[in-house]
């Protein structure tokens, strides 16, 4: 099985309440800029912008 060295673990943080949710991966070779995704936040109870943050190891 091939190693996937280009995949990087990142977290997504709600821009409204600041809660860290949804650990995910991204391909750092294809996506060099930070992720910004519209996702549902259960704390805010609405769709908000989630921005990429580093995960604590």
N, C-alpha and C. Protein backbone atom coordinates (compact mmCIF):
# COMPACT_ATOMS: atom_id res chain seq x y z
N UNK A 1 0.84 -1.16 0.00
CA UNK A 1 0.00 0.00 0.00
C UNK A 1 0.89 1.24 0.00
N UNK A 2 0.56 2.20 -0.82
CA UNK A 2 1.38 3.40 -0.97
C UNK A 2 1.16 4.37 0.18
N UNK A 3 2.25 5.04 0.57
CA UNK A 3 2.14 6.08 1.58
C UNK A 3 1.57 7.33 0.93
N UNK A 4 0.76 8.03 1.67
CA UNK A 4 0.19 9.25 1.15
C UNK A 4 0.78 10.42 1.94
N UNK A 5 1.97 10.88 1.51
CA UNK A 5 2.69 11.91 2.24
C UNK A 5 2.14 13.30 1.99
N UNK A 6 1.31 13.46 0.97
CA UNK A 6 0.76 14.77 0.65
C UNK A 6 -0.46 15.13 1.49
N UNK A 7 -1.06 14.13 2.15
CA UNK A 7 -2.26 14.40 2.97
C UNK A 7 -1.84 14.95 4.32
N UNK A 8 -2.53 15.97 4.78
CA UNK A 8 -2.22 16.62 6.04
C UNK A 8 -3.50 16.73 6.86
N UNK A 9 -3.42 16.39 8.16
CA UNK A 9 -4.58 16.52 9.04
C UNK A 9 -4.74 17.97 9.47
N UNK A 10 -5.95 18.48 9.34
CA UNK A 10 -6.27 19.85 9.75
C UNK A 10 -7.60 19.83 10.48
N UNK A 11 -7.85 20.84 11.27
CA UNK A 11 -9.13 21.00 11.93
C UNK A 11 -9.89 22.15 11.32
N UNK A 12 -11.19 22.16 11.48
CA UNK A 12 -12.02 23.26 11.00
C UNK A 12 -12.64 23.95 12.20
N UNK A 13 -12.51 25.28 12.26
CA UNK A 13 -12.98 26.07 13.38
C UNK A 13 -14.07 27.01 12.92
N UNK A 14 -15.16 27.06 13.68
CA UNK A 14 -16.29 27.92 13.36
C UNK A 14 -15.87 29.38 13.49
N UNK A 15 -16.18 30.19 12.49
CA UNK A 15 -15.80 31.60 12.53
C UNK A 15 -16.71 32.42 13.44
N UNK A 16 -17.89 31.91 13.76
CA UNK A 16 -18.82 32.66 14.59
C UNK A 16 -18.61 32.36 16.09
N UNK A 17 -18.66 31.08 16.50
CA UNK A 17 -18.55 30.76 17.92
C UNK A 17 -17.13 30.35 18.33
N UNK A 18 -16.28 29.97 17.37
CA UNK A 18 -14.90 29.61 17.67
C UNK A 18 -14.71 28.18 18.11
N UNK A 19 -15.74 27.36 18.01
CA UNK A 19 -15.63 25.96 18.42
C UNK A 19 -14.89 25.17 17.36
N UNK A 20 -13.93 24.35 17.81
CA UNK A 20 -13.15 23.52 16.90
C UNK A 20 -13.89 22.23 16.62
N UNK A 21 -14.22 21.98 15.38
CA UNK A 21 -14.96 20.81 14.97
C UNK A 21 -14.33 20.18 13.74
N UNK A 22 -14.80 19.03 13.41
CA UNK A 22 -14.54 18.38 12.14
C UNK A 22 -13.06 18.24 11.77
N UNK A 23 -12.32 17.36 12.42
CA UNK A 23 -10.98 17.08 11.93
C UNK A 23 -11.07 16.44 10.56
N UNK A 24 -10.27 16.90 9.64
CA UNK A 24 -10.33 16.42 8.27
C UNK A 24 -8.93 16.42 7.68
N UNK A 25 -8.79 15.96 6.47
CA UNK A 25 -7.50 15.98 5.78
C UNK A 25 -7.61 16.81 4.52
N UNK A 26 -6.46 17.32 4.09
CA UNK A 26 -6.41 18.02 2.82
C UNK A 26 -5.11 17.65 2.13
N UNK A 27 -5.09 17.75 0.83
CA UNK A 27 -3.90 17.49 0.05
C UNK A 27 -3.11 18.78 -0.04
N UNK A 28 -1.96 18.84 0.66
CA UNK A 28 -1.20 20.09 0.72
C UNK A 28 -0.49 20.40 -0.59
N UNK A 29 -0.38 19.43 -1.48
CA UNK A 29 0.24 19.67 -2.78
C UNK A 29 -0.73 20.38 -3.72
N UNK A 30 -1.99 19.97 -3.71
CA UNK A 30 -2.99 20.56 -4.59
C UNK A 30 -3.65 21.80 -3.99
N UNK A 31 -3.82 21.82 -2.68
CA UNK A 31 -4.50 22.92 -2.00
C UNK A 31 -3.50 23.60 -1.08
N UNK A 32 -2.85 24.63 -1.56
CA UNK A 32 -1.81 25.29 -0.77
C UNK A 32 -2.39 26.35 0.16
N UNK A 33 -3.51 26.96 -0.19
CA UNK A 33 -4.11 27.98 0.67
C UNK A 33 -4.97 27.31 1.74
N UNK A 34 -5.38 28.11 2.73
CA UNK A 34 -6.20 27.57 3.83
C UNK A 34 -7.62 27.30 3.35
N UNK A 35 -8.21 26.25 3.93
CA UNK A 35 -9.58 25.88 3.59
C UNK A 35 -10.58 26.81 4.26
N UNK A 36 -11.64 27.13 3.54
CA UNK A 36 -12.79 27.83 4.09
C UNK A 36 -14.02 27.15 3.52
N UNK A 37 -14.78 26.48 4.39
CA UNK A 37 -15.94 25.72 3.95
C UNK A 37 -17.18 26.15 4.71
N UNK A 38 -18.31 26.12 4.04
CA UNK A 38 -19.59 26.38 4.70
C UNK A 38 -20.12 25.06 5.25
N UNK A 39 -20.24 24.98 6.57
CA UNK A 39 -20.72 23.78 7.25
C UNK A 39 -21.74 24.17 8.31
N UNK A 40 -22.53 23.19 8.74
CA UNK A 40 -23.50 23.41 9.81
C UNK A 40 -22.80 23.31 11.16
N UNK A 41 -22.98 24.31 11.99
CA UNK A 41 -22.43 24.30 13.35
C UNK A 41 -23.55 23.97 14.33
N UNK A 42 -23.44 22.88 15.09
CA UNK A 42 -24.50 22.53 16.03
C UNK A 42 -24.59 23.49 17.21
N UNK A 43 -23.52 24.20 17.53
CA UNK A 43 -23.55 25.17 18.61
C UNK A 43 -24.32 26.42 18.20
N UNK A 44 -24.02 26.92 17.00
CA UNK A 44 -24.70 28.12 16.47
C UNK A 44 -26.07 27.79 15.88
N UNK A 45 -26.28 26.53 15.55
CA UNK A 45 -27.52 26.04 14.93
C UNK A 45 -27.82 26.72 13.60
N UNK A 46 -26.74 26.94 12.82
CA UNK A 46 -26.91 27.47 11.47
C UNK A 46 -25.64 27.18 10.66
N UNK A 47 -25.71 27.43 9.38
CA UNK A 47 -24.57 27.22 8.51
C UNK A 47 -23.64 28.42 8.63
N UNK A 48 -22.36 28.15 8.94
CA UNK A 48 -21.37 29.21 9.08
C UNK A 48 -20.12 28.83 8.32
N UNK A 49 -19.19 29.76 8.23
CA UNK A 49 -17.92 29.51 7.57
C UNK A 49 -16.97 28.86 8.56
N UNK A 50 -16.36 27.74 8.16
CA UNK A 50 -15.36 27.06 8.97
C UNK A 50 -14.02 27.29 8.31
N UNK A 51 -13.04 27.73 9.12
CA UNK A 51 -11.70 28.01 8.61
C UNK A 51 -10.72 26.98 9.15
N UNK A 52 -9.70 26.72 8.36
CA UNK A 52 -8.69 25.71 8.69
C UNK A 52 -7.81 26.16 9.86
N UNK A 53 -7.56 25.23 10.79
CA UNK A 53 -6.62 25.44 11.89
C UNK A 53 -5.78 24.20 12.05
N UNK A 54 -4.68 24.32 12.76
CA UNK A 54 -3.84 23.17 13.03
C UNK A 54 -4.42 22.37 14.17
N UNK A 55 -4.25 21.05 14.11
CA UNK A 55 -4.70 20.17 15.18
C UNK A 55 -3.57 19.96 16.19
N UNK A 56 -3.90 19.93 17.45
CA UNK A 56 -2.92 19.63 18.50
C UNK A 56 -2.62 18.15 18.48
N UNK A 57 -1.36 17.80 18.54
CA UNK A 57 -0.99 16.38 18.48
C UNK A 57 -0.76 15.80 19.83
